[in-house]
PDB file of N, CA and C in Angstrom:
ATOM      1  N   MET A   1     105.760  90.922 116.530  1.00  0.00           N
ATOM      2  CA  MET A   1     106.226  90.152 115.400  1.00  0.00           C
ATOM      3  C   MET A   1     106.587  91.115 114.281  1.00  0.00           C
ATOM      4  N   THR A   2     107.833  91.110 113.856  1.00  0.00           N
ATOM      5  CA  THR A   2     108.287  91.974 112.774  1.00  0.00           C
ATOM      6  C   THR A   2     108.746  91.099 111.632  1.00  0.00           C
ATOM      7  N   GLY A   3     108.456  91.493 110.392  1.00  0.00           N
ATOM      8  CA  GLY A   3     108.904  90.686 109.272  1.00  0.00           C
ATOM      9  C   GLY A   3     108.266  91.090 107.974  1.00  0.00           C
ATOM     10  N   GLN A   4     108.399  90.245 107.004  1.00  0.00           N
ATOM     11  CA  GLN A   4     107.856  90.498 105.676  1.00  0.00           C
ATOM     12  C   GLN A   4     106.421  90.027 105.604  1.00  0.00           C
ATOM     13  N   PHE A   5     105.662  90.643 104.702  1.00  0.00           N
ATOM     14  CA  PHE A   5     104.265  90.293 104.512  1.00  0.00           C
ATOM     15  C   PHE A   5     104.145  89.423 103.277  1.00  0.00           C
ATOM     16  N   ALA A   6     103.428  88.325 103.391  1.00  0.00           N
ATOM     17  CA  ALA A   6     103.177  87.445 102.245  1.00  0.00           C
ATOM     18  C   ALA A   6     101.681  87.354 102.026  1.00  0.00           C
ATOM     19  N   THR A   7     101.264  87.341 100.773  1.00  0.00           N
ATOM     20  CA  THR A   7      99.841  87.254 100.464  1.00  0.00           C
ATOM     21  C   THR A   7      99.555  85.986  99.694  1.00  0.00           C
ATOM     22  N   GLU A   8      98.297  85.592  99.721  1.00  0.00           N
ATOM     23  CA  GLU A   8      97.845  84.517  98.841  1.00  0.00           C
ATOM     24  C   GLU A   8      97.572  85.169  97.494  1.00  0.00           C
ATOM     25  N   THR A   9      98.142  84.635  96.454  1.00  0.00           N
ATOM     26  CA  THR A   9      97.985  85.245  95.147  1.00  0.00           C
ATOM     27  C   THR A   9      97.357  84.274  94.178  1.00  0.00           C
ATOM     28  N   GLY A  10      96.792  84.843  93.128  1.00  0.00           N
ATOM     29  CA  GLY A  10      96.224  84.020  92.070  1.00  0.00           C
ATOM     30  C   GLY A  10      97.313  83.568  91.118  1.00  0.00           C
ATOM     31  N   GLY A  11      96.940  82.944  90.027  1.00  0.00           N
ATOM     32  CA  GLY A  11      97.894  82.418  89.065  1.00  0.00           C
ATOM     33  C   GLY A  11      98.791  83.461  88.441  1.00  0.00           C
ATOM     34  N   CYS A  12      98.305  84.697  88.296  1.00  0.00           N
ATOM     35  CA  CYS A  12      99.122  85.733  87.666  1.00  0.00           C
ATOM     36  C   CYS A  12      99.789  86.626  88.696  1.00  0.00           C
ATOM     37  N   GLY A  13      99.718  86.275  89.975  1.00  0.00           N
ATOM     38  CA  GLY A  13     100.346  87.067  91.015  1.00  0.00           C
ATOM     39  C   GLY A  13      99.451  88.163  91.563  1.00  0.00           C
ATOM     40  N   ALA A  14      98.199  88.206  91.154  1.00  0.00           N
ATOM     41  CA  ALA A  14      97.276  89.234  91.630  1.00  0.00           C
ATOM     42  C   ALA A  14      96.770  88.870  93.016  1.00  0.00           C
ATOM     43  N   SER A  15      96.729  89.844  93.897  1.00  0.00           N
ATOM     44  CA  SER A  15      96.246  89.619  95.243  1.00  0.00           C
ATOM     45  C   SER A  15      94.736  89.425  95.227  1.00  0.00           C
ATOM     46  N   SER A  16      94.246  88.698  96.201  1.00  0.00           N
ATOM     47  CA  SER A  16      92.808  88.482  96.296  1.00  0.00           C
ATOM     48  C   SER A  16      92.094  89.696  96.878  1.00  0.00           C
ATOM     49  N   ALA A  17      92.835  90.666  97.449  1.00  0.00           N
ATOM     50  CA  ALA A  17      92.219  91.866  98.005  1.00  0.00           C
ATOM     51  C   ALA A  17      91.780  92.798  96.884  1.00  0.00           C
ATOM     52  N   ARG A  18      90.664  93.486  97.111  1.00  0.00           N
ATOM     53  CA  ARG A  18      90.190  94.440  96.118  1.00  0.00           C
ATOM     54  C   ARG A  18      91.038  95.693  96.182  1.00  0.00           C
ATOM     55  N   VAL A  19      91.377  96.248  95.023  1.00  0.00           N
ATOM     56  CA  VAL A  19      92.192  97.450  94.937  1.00  0.00           C
ATOM     57  C   VAL A  19      91.406  98.497  94.175  1.00  0.00           C
ATOM     58  N   SER A  20      91.275  99.674  94.779  1.00  0.00           N
ATOM     59  CA  SER A  20      90.556 100.768  94.139  1.00  0.00           C
ATOM     60  C   SER A  20      91.400 101.363  93.026  1.00  0.00           C
ATOM     61  N   GLN A  21      90.763 101.717  91.921  1.00  0.00           N
ATOM     62  CA  GLN A  21      91.472 102.288  90.780  1.00  0.00           C
ATOM     63  C   GLN A  21      91.631 103.801  90.903  1.00  0.00           C
ATOM     64  N   ASP A  22      90.999 104.442  91.894  1.00  0.00           N
ATOM     65  CA  ASP A  22      91.059 105.894  91.996  1.00  0.00           C
ATOM     66  C   ASP A  22      92.094 106.400  92.987  1.00  0.00           C
ATOM     67  N   ARG A  23      92.963 105.552  93.488  1.00  0.00           N
ATOM     68  CA  ARG A  23      94.019 106.005  94.387  1.00  0.00           C
ATOM     69  C   ARG A  23      95.352 105.440  93.923  1.00  0.00           C
ATOM     70  N   PRO A  24      96.461 106.069  94.317  1.00  0.00           N
ATOM     71  CA  PRO A  24      97.787 105.567  93.914  1.00  0.00           C
ATOM     72  C   PRO A  24      97.987 104.123  94.373  1.00  0.00           C
ATOM     73  N   PRO A  25      98.741 103.336  93.617  1.00  0.00           N
ATOM     74  CA  PRO A  25      98.936 101.919  93.965  1.00  0.00           C
ATOM     75  C   PRO A  25      99.474 101.697  95.374  1.00  0.00           C
ATOM     76  N   GLY A  26     100.372 102.555  95.832  1.00  0.00           N
ATOM     77  CA  GLY A  26     100.913 102.401  97.185  1.00  0.00           C
ATOM     78  C   GLY A  26      99.849 102.567  98.245  1.00  0.00           C
ATOM     79  N   ALA A  27      98.976 103.556  98.066  1.00  0.00           N
ATOM     80  CA  ALA A  27      97.897 103.793  99.023  1.00  0.00           C
ATOM     81  C   ALA A  27      96.911 102.626  99.010  1.00  0.00           C
ATOM     82  N   ALA A  28      96.612 102.109  97.827  1.00  0.00           N
ATOM     83  CA  ALA A  28      95.706 100.968  97.717  1.00  0.00           C
ATOM     84  C   ALA A  28      96.323  99.734  98.375  1.00  0.00           C
ATOM     85  N   ALA A  29      97.621  99.538  98.193  1.00  0.00           N
ATOM     86  CA  ALA A  29      98.299  98.395  98.805  1.00  0.00           C
ATOM     87  C   ALA A  29      98.285  98.501 100.326  1.00  0.00           C
ATOM     88  N   LEU A  30      98.545  99.690 100.851  1.00  0.00           N
ATOM     89  CA  LEU A  30      98.522  99.874 102.304  1.00  0.00           C
ATOM     90  C   LEU A  30      97.115  99.679 102.866  1.00  0.00           C
ATOM     91  N   ALA A  31      96.102 100.142 102.147  1.00  0.00           N
ATOM     92  CA  ALA A  31      94.724  99.943 102.590  1.00  0.00           C
ATOM     93  C   ALA A  31      94.387  98.448 102.626  1.00  0.00           C
ATOM     94  N   ALA A  32      94.826  97.703 101.619  1.00  0.00           N
ATOM     95  CA  ALA A  32      94.567  96.264 101.583  1.00  0.00           C
ATOM     96  C   ALA A  32      95.298  95.552 102.721  1.00  0.00           C
ATOM     97  N   LEU A  33      96.536  95.963 102.994  1.00  0.00           N
ATOM     98  CA  LEU A  33      97.304  95.356 104.085  1.00  0.00           C
ATOM     99  C   LEU A  33      96.661  95.610 105.437  1.00  0.00           C
ATOM    100  N   THR A  34      96.263  96.853 105.681  1.00  0.00           N
ATOM    101  CA  THR A  34      95.679  97.171 106.986  1.00  0.00           C
ATOM    102  C   THR A  34      94.299  96.553 107.146  1.00  0.00           C
ATOM    103  N   ALA A  35      93.577  96.338 106.056  1.00  0.00           N
ATOM    104  CA  ALA A  35      92.289  95.656 106.144  1.00  0.00           C
ATOM    105  C   ALA A  35      92.488  94.185 106.495  1.00  0.00           C
ATOM    106  N   ARG A  36      93.536  93.591 105.942  1.00  0.00           N
ATOM    107  CA  ARG A  36      93.805  92.172 106.184  1.00  0.00           C
ATOM    108  C   ARG A  36      94.504  91.932 107.518  1.00  0.00           C
ATOM    109  N   LEU A  37      95.340  92.884 107.923  1.00  0.00           N
ATOM    110  CA  LEU A  37      96.082  92.783 109.185  1.00  0.00           C
ATOM    111  C   LEU A  37      95.823  94.041 110.012  1.00  0.00           C
ATOM    112  N   PRO A  38      94.714  94.117 110.747  1.00  0.00           N
ATOM    113  CA  PRO A  38      94.353  95.335 111.459  1.00  0.00           C
ATOM    114  C   PRO A  38      95.349  95.761 112.535  1.00  0.00           C
ATOM    115  N   GLY A  39      96.192  94.864 113.017  1.00  0.00           N
ATOM    116  CA  GLY A  39      97.181  95.209 114.035  1.00  0.00           C
ATOM    117  C   GLY A  39      98.487  95.732 113.479  1.00  0.00           C
ATOM    118  N   LEU A  40      98.572  95.911 112.167  1.00  0.00           N
ATOM    119  CA  LEU A  40      99.806  96.362 111.514  1.00  0.00           C
ATOM    120  C   LEU A  40     100.116  97.794 111.913  1.00  0.00           C
ATOM    121  N   ARG A  41     101.342  98.031 112.373  1.00  0.00           N
ATOM    122  CA  ARG A  41     101.774  99.359 112.820  1.00  0.00           C
ATOM    123  C   ARG A  41     103.185  99.635 112.298  1.00  0.00           C
ATOM    124  N   PRO A  42     103.539 100.914 112.125  1.00  0.00           N
ATOM    125  CA  PRO A  42     104.908 101.253 111.708  1.00  0.00           C
ATOM    126  C   PRO A  42     105.916 100.794 112.759  1.00  0.00           C
ATOM    127  N   ALA A  43     107.079 100.333 112.300  1.00  0.00           N
ATOM    128  CA  ALA A  43     108.129  99.879 113.215  1.00  0.00           C
ATOM    129  C   ALA A  43     109.410 100.673 113.002  1.00  0.00           C
ATOM    130  N   GLY A  44     109.314 101.799 112.362  1.00  0.00           N
ATOM    131  CA  GLY A  44     110.481 102.635 112.091  1.00  0.00           C
ATOM    132  C   GLY A  44     110.158 103.601 110.968  1.00  0.00           C
ATOM    133  N   ALA A  45     111.138 104.403 110.640  1.00  0.00           N
ATOM    134  CA  ALA A  45     110.955 105.401 109.578  1.00  0.00           C
ATOM    135  C   ALA A  45     111.074 104.742 108.202  1.00  0.00           C
ATOM    136  N   PRO A  46     110.199 105.112 107.267  1.00  0.00           N
ATOM    137  CA  PRO A  46     110.322 104.580 105.909  1.00  0.00           C
ATOM    138  C   PRO A  46     111.548 105.168 105.221  1.00  0.00           C
ATOM    139  N   GLU A  47     112.121 104.421 104.301  1.00  0.00           N
ATOM    140  CA  GLU A  47     113.276 104.879 103.529  1.00  0.00           C
ATOM    141  C   GLU A  47     112.829 105.091 102.089  1.00  0.00           C
ATOM    142  N   ARG A  48     113.011 106.306 101.592  1.00  0.00           N
ATOM    143  CA  ARG A  48     112.603 106.631 100.223  1.00  0.00           C
ATOM    144  C   ARG A  48     113.681 106.219  99.227  1.00  0.00           C
ATOM    145  N   ARG A  49     113.237 105.907  98.008  1.00  0.00           N
ATOM    146  CA  ARG A  49     114.162 105.628  96.910  1.00  0.00           C
ATOM    147  C   ARG A  49     114.770 106.943  96.448  1.00  0.00           C
ATOM    148  N   GLY A  50     115.993 106.907  96.000  1.00  0.00           N
ATOM    149  CA  GLY A  50     116.653 108.109  95.521  1.00  0.00           C
ATOM    150  C   GLY A  50     116.504 108.326  94.027  1.00  0.00           C
ATOM    151  N   GLU A  51     116.018 107.321  93.308  1.00  0.00           N
ATOM    152  CA  GLU A  51     115.919 107.417  91.855  1.00  0.00           C
ATOM    153  C   GLU A  51     114.785 108.339  91.437  1.00  0.00           C
ATOM    154  N   PHE A  52     114.942 108.963  90.288  1.00  0.00           N
ATOM    155  CA  PHE A  52     113.902 109.832  89.759  1.00  0.00           C
ATOM    156  C   PHE A  52     112.815 109.030  89.048  1.00  0.00           C
ATOM    157  N   VAL A  53     113.208 108.017  88.307  1.00  0.00           N
ATOM    158  CA  VAL A  53     112.262 107.255  87.496  1.00  0.00           C
ATOM    159  C   VAL A  53     111.378 106.360  88.363  1.00  0.00           C
ATOM    160  N   ILE A  54     111.985 105.606  89.261  1.00  0.00           N
ATOM    161  CA  ILE A  54     111.225 104.710  90.143  1.00  0.00           C
ATOM    162  C   ILE A  54     111.169 105.374  91.511  1.00  0.00           C
ATOM    163  N   ARG A  55     110.083 106.091  91.753  1.00  0.00           N
ATOM    164  CA  ARG A  55     109.939 106.801  93.021  1.00  0.00           C
ATOM    165  C   ARG A  55     109.172 105.940  94.004  1.00  0.00           C
ATOM    166  N   GLY A  56     109.159 106.364  95.235  1.00  0.00           N
ATOM    167  CA  GLY A  56     108.428 105.647  96.260  1.00  0.00           C
ATOM    168  C   GLY A  56     109.327 105.231  97.393  1.00  0.00           C
ATOM    169  N   LEU A  57     108.887 104.235  98.127  1.00  0.00           N
ATOM    170  CA  LEU A  57     109.638 103.784  99.303  1.00  0.00           C
ATOM    171  C   LEU A  57     110.520 102.595  98.969  1.00  0.00           C
ATOM    172  N   ARG A  58     111.715 102.611  99.505  1.00  0.00           N
ATOM    173  CA  ARG A  58     112.616 101.460  99.402  1.00  0.00           C
ATOM    174  C   ARG A  58     112.248 100.456 100.485  1.00  0.00           C
ATOM    175  N   THR A  59     112.004 100.953 101.713  1.00  0.00           N
ATOM    176  CA  THR A  59     111.594 100.085 102.814  1.00  0.00           C
ATOM    177  C   THR A  59     110.473 100.759 103.601  1.00  0.00           C
ATOM    178  N   LEU A  60     109.646  99.948 104.200  1.00  0.00           N
ATOM    179  CA  LEU A  60     108.583 100.406 105.096  1.00  0.00           C
ATOM    180  C   LEU A  60     108.467  99.373 106.214  1.00  0.00           C
ATOM    181  N   PRO A  61     109.267  99.550 107.279  1.00  0.00           N
ATOM    182  CA  PRO A  61     109.246  98.569 108.369  1.00  0.00           C
ATOM    183  C   PRO A  61     107.922  98.600 109.113  1.00  0.00           C
ATOM    184  N   VAL A  62     107.393  97.413 109.382  1.00  0.00           N
ATOM    185  CA  VAL A  62     106.122  97.279 110.107  1.00  0.00           C
ATOM    186  C   VAL A  62     106.215  96.181 111.155  1.00  0.00           C
ATOM    187  N   THR A  63     105.292  96.221 112.086  1.00  0.00           N
ATOM    188  CA  THR A  63     105.169  95.198 113.099  1.00  0.00           C
ATOM    189  C   THR A  63     103.687  94.856 113.257  1.00  0.00           C
ATOM    190  N   ALA A  64     103.405  93.631 113.632  1.00  0.00           N
ATOM    191  CA  ALA A  64     101.995  93.229 113.814  1.00  0.00           C
ATOM    192  C   ALA A  64     101.795  92.643 115.194  1.00  0.00           C
TER     193      ALA A  64
END
């Protein structure tokens, strides 16, 4: 099954998963995803953003 991930969120859009404050937001998000979906695996190469100001991944294909 390949597709987008949807979470149950609170009124302000905050996820119900706990997020550690001592790691980068992307790492915390991936840890929360893999804890909630243990079968989650990469489904291709990630695509990085080219912008300087907003860095990170543009896409991260996964399969469960």
